[in-house]
Amino acid sequence: MATKKTIITKDQIVSMYMNYVLEHSEKPKSVYHFTKINDFSETEFYAFFGTIDSIEKEIFKMFVDKTIDLLNKNKEYELYDMKGKMLSFYFTFFEILTANRSYVVLVLKEHDNQLKKLMQLSGLRNSFRDYLSEIITDDFRTQQEKLQNFQEKAFLEASWIQLLLTLKFWLDDTSPAFEKTDIYIEKSVKASFELMNITPIESLIDFGKFIFKEKIYNK
């Protein structure tokens, strides 16, 4: 009696893709090649992804989705204020990245073209902005209505840039357990929220000194 073939899942395809990239230091040449060496059909592939490149975008989106899922499992998380939730997101997100660091470093550092790199992170960007929209409080929106120079869209875009800068710092971080990235996260998130409250001086100076020391003094 013939054995019934196991149905391939989206997560399995992602796992096989990441393994392929790590083992070959490049992405598969084609969908045909990728599916053939992993013994499943192109039809099964196209049920979840349209192209090889779309897997790359989905992987970074999945990192964000996994982060949010873990945060929501923590009962205390809902009690945090915006800054507390943002810090929790950052620390959890970068723990997940660290668990997959070999893959993340390989695929991000292979792109000298910054536009290609940003296109690869488009799924991450959309999920992150959706997350930010969910944690913005009514108090924050009320406060910003009084500050005509600061709008919600500006907050979303500034937060995305901050995440990219943190990602760049983490990619270059060589400290044990990436402890300098943890410091960077604490100082940058604190500075950004104090800036929104128009009381930035102390935190911005502190953050600026840290960046100067890491990027200039230690060279």
Protein backbone atom coordinates (compact mmCIF):
# COMPACT_ATOMS: atom_id res chain seq x y z
CA MET A 1 0.00 0.00 0.00
CA ALA A 2 1.40 3.39 -1.04
CA THR A 3 2.40 5.77 1.72
CA LYS A 4 0.44 9.00 1.72
CA LYS A 5 2.73 11.95 1.02
CA THR A 6 3.05 14.49 3.82
CA ILE A 7 1.52 17.87 2.99
CA ILE A 8 4.18 20.56 2.84
CA THR A 9 3.63 23.63 5.03
CA LYS A 10 4.67 27.24 4.75
CA ASP A 11 6.95 26.97 7.80
CA GLN A 12 8.67 23.91 6.30
CA ILE A 13 9.38 25.77 3.07
CA VAL A 14 10.84 28.69 5.04
CA SER A 15 13.00 26.33 7.09
CA MET A 16 14.29 24.56 3.97
CA TYR A 17 15.02 27.90 2.33
CA MET A 18 17.01 29.20 5.31
CA ASN A 19 18.98 25.94 5.47
CA TYR A 20 19.75 26.14 1.76
CA VAL A 21 21.02 29.73 2.03
CA LEU A 22 23.20 28.89 5.03
CA GLU A 23 24.65 25.78 3.40
CA HIS A 24 25.31 27.35 -0.01
CA SER A 25 25.87 31.02 0.98
CA GLU A 26 23.44 32.06 -1.72
CA LYS A 27 19.76 31.76 -2.52
CA PRO A 28 18.43 29.05 -4.87
CA LYS A 29 18.79 29.79 -8.57
CA SER A 30 15.14 28.98 -9.30
CA VAL A 31 11.93 27.61 -7.81
CA TYR A 32 12.45 24.47 -9.90
CA HIS A 33 15.91 23.87 -8.45
CA PHE A 34 14.81 24.61 -4.88
CA THR A 35 11.77 22.32 -4.95
CA LYS A 36 13.60 19.50 -6.71
CA ILE A 37 16.43 19.22 -4.17
CA ASN A 38 13.91 19.34 -1.32
CA ASP A 39 11.57 16.78 -2.89
CA PHE A 40 8.34 18.73 -3.20
CA SER A 41 6.49 20.19 -6.15
CA GLU A 42 6.46 23.67 -7.64
CA THR A 43 2.68 23.62 -7.22
CA GLU A 44 3.13 23.22 -3.47
CA PHE A 45 5.64 26.09 -3.46
CA TYR A 46 3.32 28.43 -5.34
CA ALA A 47 0.52 27.73 -2.88
CA PHE A 48 2.44 29.95 -0.43
CA PHE A 49 4.96 32.02 -2.41
CA GLY A 50 5.06 33.64 -5.80
CA THR A 51 8.85 33.91 -6.12
CA ILE A 52 12.07 33.02 -4.34
CA ASP A 53 12.47 36.68 -3.33
CA SER A 54 9.07 36.64 -1.65
CA ILE A 55 10.36 34.04 0.83
CA GLU A 56 13.07 36.45 1.97
CA LYS A 57 10.50 39.15 2.64
CA GLU A 58 8.25 36.71 4.46
CA ILE A 59 11.04 35.50 6.77
CA PHE A 60 11.62 38.97 8.24
CA LYS A 61 7.87 39.47 8.58
CA MET A 62 7.69 36.16 10.45
CA PHE A 63 10.37 37.39 12.88
CA VAL A 64 8.07 40.31 13.78
CA ASP A 65 4.97 38.11 13.98
CA LYS A 66 6.80 35.69 16.29
CA THR A 67 7.91 38.61 18.47
CA ILE A 68 4.36 39.90 18.84
CA ASP A 69 3.04 36.40 19.55
CA LEU A 70 5.57 35.96 22.39
CA LEU A 71 4.76 39.39 23.82
CA ASN A 72 1.03 38.68 23.87
CA LYS A 73 1.63 35.48 25.83
CA ASN A 74 3.04 37.57 28.68
CA LYS A 75 0.11 38.69 30.87
CA GLU A 76 2.11 41.60 32.29
CA TYR A 77 2.82 42.99 28.83
CA GLU A 78 -0.67 44.51 28.49
CA LEU A 79 -0.03 46.57 31.63
CA TYR A 80 3.06 48.25 30.18
CA ASP A 81 2.99 51.82 28.88
CA MET A 82 4.05 52.60 25.30
CA LYS A 83 7.72 52.86 26.13
CA GLY A 84 7.64 49.60 28.09
CA LYS A 85 5.95 47.81 25.20
CA MET A 86 8.45 49.23 22.73
CA LEU A 87 11.39 48.09 24.84
CA SER A 88 9.84 44.64 25.21
CA PHE A 89 9.39 44.45 21.45
CA TYR A 90 12.99 45.43 20.76
CA PHE A 91 14.54 43.01 23.23
CA THR A 92 12.34 40.11 22.11
CA PHE A 93 12.80 40.88 18.41
CA PHE A 94 16.59 41.00 18.68
CA GLU A 95 16.63 37.78 20.70
CA ILE A 96 14.88 36.14 17.75
CA LEU A 97 17.31 37.74 15.30
CA THR A 98 20.23 36.54 17.41
CA ALA A 99 18.86 32.98 17.31
CA ASN A 100 18.96 33.31 13.50
CA ARG A 101 22.01 35.58 13.28
CA SER A 102 23.97 33.53 10.73
CA TYR A 103 21.10 33.77 8.25
CA VAL A 104 20.30 37.43 8.94
CA VAL A 105 23.92 38.57 8.63
CA LEU A 106 24.41 36.59 5.43
CA VAL A 107 21.36 37.89 3.59
CA LEU A 108 21.63 41.51 4.73
CA LYS A 109 25.35 41.96 4.27
CA GLU A 110 25.32 40.44 0.78
CA HIS A 111 23.38 43.44 -0.53
CA ASP A 112 25.61 46.42 -1.22
CA ASN A 113 22.58 47.99 -2.89
CA GLN A 114 20.64 49.62 -0.06
CA LEU A 115 17.43 49.74 -2.12
CA LYS A 116 17.47 45.94 -2.53
CA LYS A 117 18.08 45.56 1.19
CA LEU A 118 15.11 47.80 2.03
CA MET A 119 12.90 45.91 -0.42
CA GLN A 120 13.83 42.70 1.34
CA LEU A 121 12.71 44.27 4.64
CA SER A 122 9.37 45.55 3.28
CA GLY A 123 7.41 42.79 5.03
CA LEU A 124 9.14 43.60 8.30
CA ARG A 125 8.36 47.30 7.84
CA ASN A 126 4.64 46.74 7.26
CA SER A 127 4.25 44.40 10.24
CA PHE A 128 6.25 46.72 12.49
CA ARG A 129 4.13 49.74 11.54
CA ASP A 130 0.96 47.72 12.19
CA TYR A 131 2.33 46.84 15.62
CA LEU A 132 3.11 50.49 16.38
CA SER A 133 -0.40 51.54 15.42
CA GLU A 134 -1.77 49.02 17.93
CA ILE A 135 0.34 50.22 20.89
CA ILE A 136 -0.24 53.95 20.37
CA THR A 137 -2.39 55.05 23.30
CA ASP A 138 -5.23 57.57 23.36
CA ASP A 139 -3.15 59.70 25.72
CA PHE A 140 -0.36 59.81 23.17
CA ARG A 141 -2.72 60.80 20.37
CA THR A 142 -4.27 63.52 22.55
CA GLN A 143 -0.85 64.85 23.44
CA GLN A 144 0.28 64.96 19.84
CA GLU A 145 -2.87 66.86 18.80
CA LYS A 146 -1.51 69.71 20.90
CA LEU A 147 1.84 69.56 19.10
CA GLN A 148 1.17 70.56 15.52
CA ASN A 149 4.69 69.69 14.41
CA PHE A 150 4.38 66.03 15.38
CA GLN A 151 1.89 63.63 13.83
CA GLU A 152 1.24 59.93 14.08
CA LYS A 153 2.67 59.28 10.62
CA ALA A 154 5.89 60.99 11.66
CA PHE A 155 6.07 58.74 14.73
CA LEU A 156 5.64 55.62 12.59
CA GLU A 157 8.32 56.67 10.13
CA ALA A 158 10.75 57.81 12.82
CA SER A 159 10.27 54.51 14.67
CA TRP A 160 10.99 52.54 11.48
CA ILE A 161 14.22 54.48 10.93
CA GLN A 162 15.15 53.85 14.55
CA LEU A 163 14.62 50.11 14.07
CA LEU A 164 16.85 50.13 10.96
CA LEU A 165 19.59 51.98 12.85
CA THR A 166 19.35 49.46 15.69
CA LEU A 167 19.53 46.61 13.19
CA LYS A 168 22.67 48.14 11.67
CA PHE A 169 24.23 48.52 15.14
CA TRP A 170 23.40 44.88 15.97
CA LEU A 171 24.93 43.66 12.69
CA ASP A 172 28.19 45.41 13.58
CA ASP A 173 28.13 44.53 17.29
CA THR A 174 30.95 42.22 18.38
CA SER A 175 30.42 42.48 22.15
CA PRO A 176 29.72 39.34 24.25
CA ALA A 177 26.02 38.40 24.10
CA PHE A 178 25.55 41.60 22.05
CA GLU A 179 25.36 43.52 25.31
CA LYS A 180 26.18 46.81 23.57
CA THR A 181 23.07 46.40 21.43
CA ASP A 182 21.02 46.09 24.64
CA ILE A 183 22.53 49.38 25.84
CA TYR A 184 21.83 50.96 22.45
CA ILE A 185 18.19 49.85 22.62
CA GLU A 186 17.64 51.24 26.12
CA LYS A 187 19.23 54.60 25.35
CA SER A 188 17.67 55.07 21.90
CA VAL A 189 14.12 54.16 22.97
CA LYS A 190 14.37 56.37 26.06
CA ALA A 191 15.71 59.26 23.99
CA SER A 192 13.00 58.91 21.33
CA PHE A 193 10.16 58.98 23.87
CA GLU A 194 11.61 61.92 25.73
CA LEU A 195 12.00 63.72 22.42
CA MET A 196 8.28 63.22 21.79
CA ASN A 197 7.61 64.70 25.20
CA ILE A 198 9.79 67.70 24.34
CA THR A 199 12.22 66.93 27.17
CA PRO A 200 15.07 65.39 25.24
CA ILE A 201 18.25 67.02 26.43
CA GLU A 202 19.53 64.61 29.08
CA SER A 203 18.71 61.38 27.22
CA LEU A 204 19.85 62.67 23.83
CA ILE A 205 23.18 63.76 25.27
CA ASP A 206 23.58 60.38 26.98
CA PHE A 207 22.67 58.52 23.77
CA GLY A 208 24.95 60.76 21.72
CA LYS A 209 27.90 60.08 24.01
CA PHE A 210 27.31 56.32 23.67
CA ILE A 211 27.21 56.47 19.86
CA PHE A 212 30.30 58.69 19.74
CA LYS A 213 32.23 56.29 21.96
CA GLU A 214 31.23 53.22 19.91
CA LYS A 215 31.59 54.64 16.42
CA ILE A 216 34.41 57.18 16.82
CA TYR A 217 36.47 56.65 19.95
CA ASN A 218 36.70 52.85 19.64
CA LYS A 219 37.82 52.85 16.01
